[in-house]
Amino acid sequence: MNNDIEYFKIKLAGLNIEVECNFRYILNLCHKYLAQFATPDIVVRASIEEIIAARDEIPEAQKSIPGVAVCYADDHTEPLILYEKIAKKVIDYNTFLMHGAVIATQGCAYMLTAASGVGKTTRALLWQEEYPNTFFVNGDKPLIKITDTEALACGTPWSGREGLNTNTMVPLRAIFLLERANEGMPDSIEEVSLGKAFPFLLQQTYRPADPDAMRKTIQLLKAMDGKVKFFKFRSHPTAESVRLAYETAKPKNDDA
């Protein structure tokens, strides 16, 4: 613990957040998001007791997965606790946490969401290779901010092992519900309604235990209707599948 660090300020999804911390690692993690403001919208902290309890709850088997670069030291556990606390509080500001990789190009953001291991980041990296003006908004845990007219994909420091993120907010054009295509089968993409996409989206959304916060989260998911397009996307991790996704979802000349 570094006793010189008591708190720092960041801005996420347009919100002023004051973070009280115990370890320098979280400050380094958030360095791109540091901000100056007088009054915070949200204040979060993790006590040493919470950090130790969270670390000790991790099964021993998960602490020794071969080839996985994950650290479960106290200084790396603190950011996980703090982000969960942030995720609980941003709901009151029409913002929620989703699990997915978000890239942006030509002023629009596109999210690939799926269970861990399906290949979101792999496809997002292929997208970046195929379209050089593409950048990562967030590689794993973006915030989604709902306004009266649009949904905004927001960068955060919590972006997976690769650390792919940008301090930005970009209008979210489409969400791809990603599935692996079976071997020998072609890539396929189909636009679906929010109603059909909803169970998939909810599964990939942070779901707070508090019933009122959960109801608000559901309302925010439903508020994406008309603001975001949804696509069921079965694909192989190839450049061809990336082109299929982008050409299908990008704005057309007749879009409003």
Protein backbone atom coordinates (compact mmCIF):
# COMPACT_ATOMS: atom_id res chain seq x y z
CA MET A 1 0.00 0.00 0.00
CA ASN A 2 1.17 3.51 -0.83
CA ASN A 3 0.01 5.87 1.87
CA ASP A 4 0.63 8.88 -0.41
CA ILE A 5 -2.39 7.88 -2.52
CA GLU A 6 -5.76 8.61 -0.98
CA TYR A 7 -7.99 9.33 -3.96
CA PHE A 8 -8.01 10.37 -7.60
CA LYS A 9 -10.60 11.62 -10.08
CA ILE A 10 -11.68 10.14 -13.38
CA LYS A 11 -14.43 10.78 -15.91
CA LEU A 12 -16.32 7.79 -17.35
CA ALA A 13 -19.38 8.06 -19.62
CA GLY A 14 -19.43 11.79 -18.92
CA LEU A 15 -19.67 11.21 -15.16
CA ASN A 16 -17.31 12.65 -12.53
CA ILE A 17 -16.07 9.77 -10.40
CA GLU A 18 -13.87 10.04 -7.33
CA VAL A 19 -11.96 6.87 -6.49
CA GLU A 20 -10.51 6.26 -3.06
CA CYS A 21 -7.76 3.68 -3.42
CA ASN A 22 -5.29 1.61 -1.46
CA PHE A 23 -2.81 0.63 -4.20
CA ARG A 24 -1.03 2.43 -7.03
CA TYR A 25 -2.04 -0.16 -9.65
CA ILE A 26 -5.57 1.23 -9.99
CA LEU A 27 -4.20 4.75 -10.51
CA ASN A 28 -1.91 3.49 -13.28
CA LEU A 29 -4.80 1.57 -14.84
CA CYS A 30 -6.96 4.69 -15.01
CA HIS A 31 -4.30 7.18 -16.11
CA LYS A 32 -5.97 7.96 -19.48
CA TYR A 33 -9.21 8.87 -17.71
CA LEU A 34 -7.89 11.24 -15.04
CA ALA A 35 -9.93 14.44 -14.78
CA GLN A 36 -10.32 17.58 -12.72
CA PHE A 37 -13.67 18.60 -11.26
CA ALA A 38 -15.05 20.17 -8.11
CA THR A 39 -18.01 17.94 -7.33
CA PRO A 40 -18.13 14.19 -8.00
CA ASP A 41 -21.25 12.45 -9.25
CA ILE A 42 -20.04 9.17 -7.78
CA VAL A 43 -17.57 8.23 -5.04
CA VAL A 44 -16.27 4.66 -4.70
CA ARG A 45 -13.77 2.93 -2.48
CA ALA A 46 -12.76 -0.62 -1.62
CA SER A 47 -11.71 -1.44 1.89
CA ILE A 48 -8.78 -3.72 2.59
CA GLU A 49 -11.26 -6.17 4.13
CA GLU A 50 -13.32 -6.24 0.91
CA ILE A 51 -10.19 -6.78 -1.18
CA ILE A 52 -8.95 -9.69 0.94
CA ALA A 53 -12.41 -11.28 1.01
CA ALA A 54 -12.77 -11.01 -2.78
CA ARG A 55 -9.31 -12.47 -3.37
CA ASP A 56 -9.93 -15.36 -1.01
CA GLU A 57 -13.22 -16.22 -2.77
CA ILE A 58 -11.41 -17.01 -6.03
CA PRO A 59 -11.20 -20.82 -6.42
CA GLU A 60 -7.68 -22.18 -6.26
CA ALA A 61 -8.15 -23.83 -9.66
CA GLN A 62 -8.66 -20.43 -11.26
CA LYS A 63 -5.47 -19.09 -9.73
CA SER A 64 -3.30 -21.56 -11.62
CA ILE A 65 -4.73 -21.77 -15.12
CA PRO A 66 -1.77 -22.56 -17.43
CA GLY A 67 -0.99 -19.82 -19.91
CA VAL A 68 -3.43 -17.27 -18.52
CA ALA A 69 -1.79 -14.03 -17.47
CA VAL A 70 -4.02 -13.13 -14.54
CA CYS A 71 -2.81 -11.76 -11.22
CA TYR A 72 -4.92 -12.19 -8.10
CA ALA A 73 -2.78 -10.04 -5.81
CA ASP A 74 -4.60 -7.50 -3.68
CA ASP A 75 -3.60 -4.56 -5.90
CA HIS A 76 -5.14 -6.31 -8.94
CA THR A 77 -8.26 -7.32 -7.04
CA GLU A 78 -9.03 -3.75 -5.97
CA PRO A 79 -9.93 -2.54 -9.52
CA LEU A 80 -12.45 -5.36 -9.94
CA ILE A 81 -14.25 -4.38 -6.75
CA LEU A 82 -14.20 -0.70 -7.66
CA TYR A 83 -15.61 -1.29 -11.14
CA GLU A 84 -18.47 -3.33 -9.74
CA LYS A 85 -19.25 -0.46 -7.37
CA ILE A 86 -19.13 1.97 -10.31
CA ALA A 87 -21.38 -0.32 -12.36
CA LYS A 88 -23.98 -0.29 -9.57
CA LYS A 89 -23.99 3.50 -9.31
CA VAL A 90 -23.93 4.52 -12.98
CA ILE A 91 -27.33 2.90 -13.45
CA ASP A 92 -28.82 5.97 -11.74
CA TYR A 93 -27.30 8.04 -14.58
CA ASN A 94 -28.88 6.03 -17.44
CA THR A 95 -25.68 4.06 -17.95
CA PHE A 96 -24.96 0.35 -17.67
CA LEU A 97 -22.10 -2.10 -18.08
CA MET A 98 -22.05 -4.68 -20.87
CA HIS A 99 -19.63 -7.47 -21.68
CA GLY A 100 -18.35 -7.05 -25.23
CA ALA A 101 -15.70 -5.70 -27.55
CA VAL A 102 -16.52 -2.31 -29.09
CA ILE A 103 -14.74 -0.87 -32.09
CA ALA A 104 -15.46 2.41 -33.86
CA THR A 105 -15.06 3.60 -37.42
CA GLN A 106 -16.44 6.51 -39.44
CA GLY A 107 -18.07 7.99 -36.33
CA CYS A 108 -20.04 4.86 -35.38
CA ALA A 109 -19.40 2.19 -32.77
CA TYR A 110 -20.07 -1.54 -33.21
CA MET A 111 -20.21 -4.07 -30.39
CA LEU A 112 -19.46 -7.79 -30.57
CA THR A 113 -20.99 -9.52 -27.56
CA ALA A 114 -20.85 -13.19 -26.62
CA ALA A 115 -19.81 -15.50 -23.84
CA SER A 116 -16.11 -15.52 -22.98
CA GLY A 117 -14.03 -17.57 -25.38
CA VAL A 118 -16.20 -17.19 -28.48
CA GLY A 119 -13.76 -14.77 -30.13
CA LYS A 120 -14.99 -11.20 -29.70
CA THR A 121 -11.53 -9.67 -29.46
CA THR A 122 -10.18 -11.80 -32.33
CA ARG A 123 -12.87 -10.53 -34.67
CA ALA A 124 -12.54 -6.96 -33.44
CA LEU A 125 -8.80 -7.08 -34.16
CA LEU A 126 -9.54 -8.42 -37.63
CA TRP A 127 -11.96 -5.53 -38.10
CA GLN A 128 -9.19 -3.12 -37.17
CA GLU A 129 -6.84 -4.77 -39.67
CA GLU A 130 -9.45 -4.71 -42.43
CA TYR A 131 -10.43 -1.08 -41.82
CA PRO A 132 -7.32 0.88 -40.78
CA ASN A 133 -9.32 3.85 -39.44
CA THR A 134 -10.94 1.59 -36.83
CA PHE A 135 -10.04 1.90 -33.14
CA PHE A 136 -11.07 0.13 -29.96
CA VAL A 137 -13.50 1.94 -27.69
CA ASN A 138 -13.23 -0.94 -25.23
CA GLY A 139 -12.13 -4.54 -25.58
CA ASP A 140 -14.18 -6.15 -22.82
CA LYS A 141 -16.30 -4.10 -20.40
CA PRO A 142 -17.60 -0.86 -21.94
CA LEU A 143 -20.27 1.35 -20.44
CA ILE A 144 -23.39 2.11 -22.49
CA LYS A 145 -24.98 5.52 -21.88
CA ILE A 146 -28.59 6.04 -22.98
CA THR A 147 -29.78 9.51 -23.99
CA ASP A 148 -33.08 10.66 -25.46
CA THR A 149 -31.74 10.24 -28.99
CA GLU A 150 -28.93 7.68 -28.95
CA ALA A 151 -26.91 5.05 -27.14
CA LEU A 152 -23.25 5.89 -26.58
CA ALA A 153 -20.48 3.32 -26.24
CA CYS A 154 -18.03 4.62 -23.64
CA GLY A 155 -14.42 3.68 -23.13
CA THR A 156 -13.26 2.52 -19.70
CA PRO A 157 -9.91 1.32 -18.30
CA TRP A 158 -11.49 -2.10 -17.62
CA SER A 159 -10.90 -3.61 -21.04
CA GLY A 160 -9.56 -7.15 -20.65
CA ARG A 161 -6.04 -8.54 -20.61
CA GLU A 162 -5.14 -6.75 -23.84
CA GLY A 163 -5.97 -3.33 -22.37
CA LEU A 164 -7.63 -2.12 -25.59
CA ASN A 165 -9.54 1.07 -24.79
CA THR A 166 -9.88 4.72 -25.71
CA ASN A 167 -11.16 7.56 -23.55
CA THR A 168 -14.09 8.43 -25.79
CA MET A 169 -17.85 8.14 -26.28
CA VAL A 170 -19.13 7.08 -29.71
CA PRO A 171 -22.74 6.59 -30.93
CA LEU A 172 -23.46 2.86 -30.89
CA ARG A 173 -24.67 1.82 -34.33
CA ALA A 174 -25.08 -1.95 -33.91
CA ILE A 175 -24.64 -4.88 -31.56
CA PHE A 176 -23.68 -8.25 -33.01
CA LEU A 177 -24.84 -11.28 -31.03
CA LEU A 178 -21.84 -13.39 -31.88
CA GLU A 179 -21.85 -17.15 -32.30
CA ARG A 180 -19.24 -19.43 -33.82
CA ALA A 181 -20.22 -20.80 -37.24
CA ASN A 182 -20.00 -24.59 -37.45
CA GLU A 183 -17.09 -25.99 -39.43
CA GLY A 184 -17.95 -26.13 -43.11
CA MET A 185 -20.88 -23.74 -42.75
CA PRO A 186 -20.86 -20.23 -44.24
CA ASP A 187 -20.96 -17.03 -42.23
CA SER A 188 -24.46 -15.67 -41.73
CA ILE A 189 -25.94 -12.47 -40.39
CA GLU A 190 -29.56 -11.59 -39.68
CA GLU A 191 -31.04 -8.43 -38.24
CA VAL A 192 -33.30 -9.20 -35.30
CA SER A 193 -35.66 -7.21 -33.11
CA LEU A 194 -34.78 -6.06 -29.63
CA GLY A 195 -37.32 -8.57 -28.35
CA LYS A 196 -35.44 -11.46 -29.92
CA ALA A 197 -32.07 -10.06 -28.91
CA PHE A 198 -33.09 -9.23 -25.35
CA PRO A 199 -32.33 -12.57 -23.58
CA PHE A 200 -28.84 -12.59 -25.15
CA LEU A 201 -28.23 -8.94 -24.24
CA LEU A 202 -29.40 -9.40 -20.67
CA GLN A 203 -27.05 -12.33 -20.20
CA GLN A 204 -24.11 -10.12 -21.19
CA THR A 205 -25.17 -7.14 -19.05
CA TYR A 206 -24.15 -6.46 -15.47
CA ARG A 207 -27.16 -7.48 -13.40
CA PRO A 208 -27.25 -5.83 -9.96
CA ALA A 209 -28.72 -7.71 -7.00
CA ASP A 210 -30.83 -4.74 -5.95
CA PRO A 211 -34.34 -5.18 -7.46
CA ASP A 212 -34.83 -1.47 -8.22
CA ALA A 213 -31.44 -1.26 -9.95
CA MET A 214 -32.25 -4.41 -11.90
CA ARG A 215 -35.54 -2.94 -13.09
CA LYS A 216 -33.72 0.22 -14.18
CA THR A 217 -31.15 -1.88 -16.05
CA ILE A 218 -33.93 -3.66 -17.93
CA GLN A 219 -35.49 -0.30 -18.79
CA LEU A 220 -32.15 0.94 -20.15
CA LEU A 221 -31.75 -2.17 -22.29
CA LYS A 222 -35.24 -1.66 -23.69
CA ALA A 223 -34.46 2.01 -24.34
CA MET A 224 -31.93 0.92 -27.00
CA ASP A 225 -34.87 0.02 -29.24
CA GLY A 226 -34.83 2.36 -32.23
CA LYS A 227 -31.37 3.66 -31.32
CA VAL A 228 -29.29 0.54 -32.00
CA LYS A 229 -29.54 -2.24 -34.58
CA PHE A 230 -29.19 -5.87 -33.48
CA PHE A 231 -27.76 -8.70 -35.57
CA LYS A 232 -27.48 -12.43 -34.96
CA PHE A 233 -24.03 -13.10 -36.33
CA ARG A 234 -22.66 -16.62 -36.92
CA SER A 235 -19.14 -16.36 -38.20
CA HIS A 236 -15.65 -17.72 -38.57
CA PRO A 237 -12.75 -15.53 -37.44
CA THR A 238 -11.89 -14.29 -40.94
CA ALA A 239 -11.57 -10.99 -42.76
CA GLU A 240 -14.51 -12.02 -44.93
CA SER A 241 -16.81 -12.29 -41.91
CA VAL A 242 -15.71 -8.85 -40.72
CA ARG A 243 -16.55 -7.35 -44.11
CA LEU A 244 -19.95 -9.05 -44.02
CA ALA A 245 -20.69 -7.54 -40.61
CA TYR A 246 -19.59 -4.02 -41.49
CA GLU A 247 -21.23 -3.88 -44.91
CA THR A 248 -24.50 -5.09 -43.39
CA ALA A 249 -24.56 -2.75 -40.40
CA LYS A 250 -22.91 0.46 -41.60
CA PRO A 251 -25.06 3.53 -42.28
CA LYS A 252 -26.64 3.57 -45.70
CA ASN A 253 -27.23 6.58 -47.91
CA ASP A 254 -30.94 6.49 -47.13
CA ASP A 255 -30.50 6.42 -43.35
CA ALA A 256 -31.99 9.38 -41.53
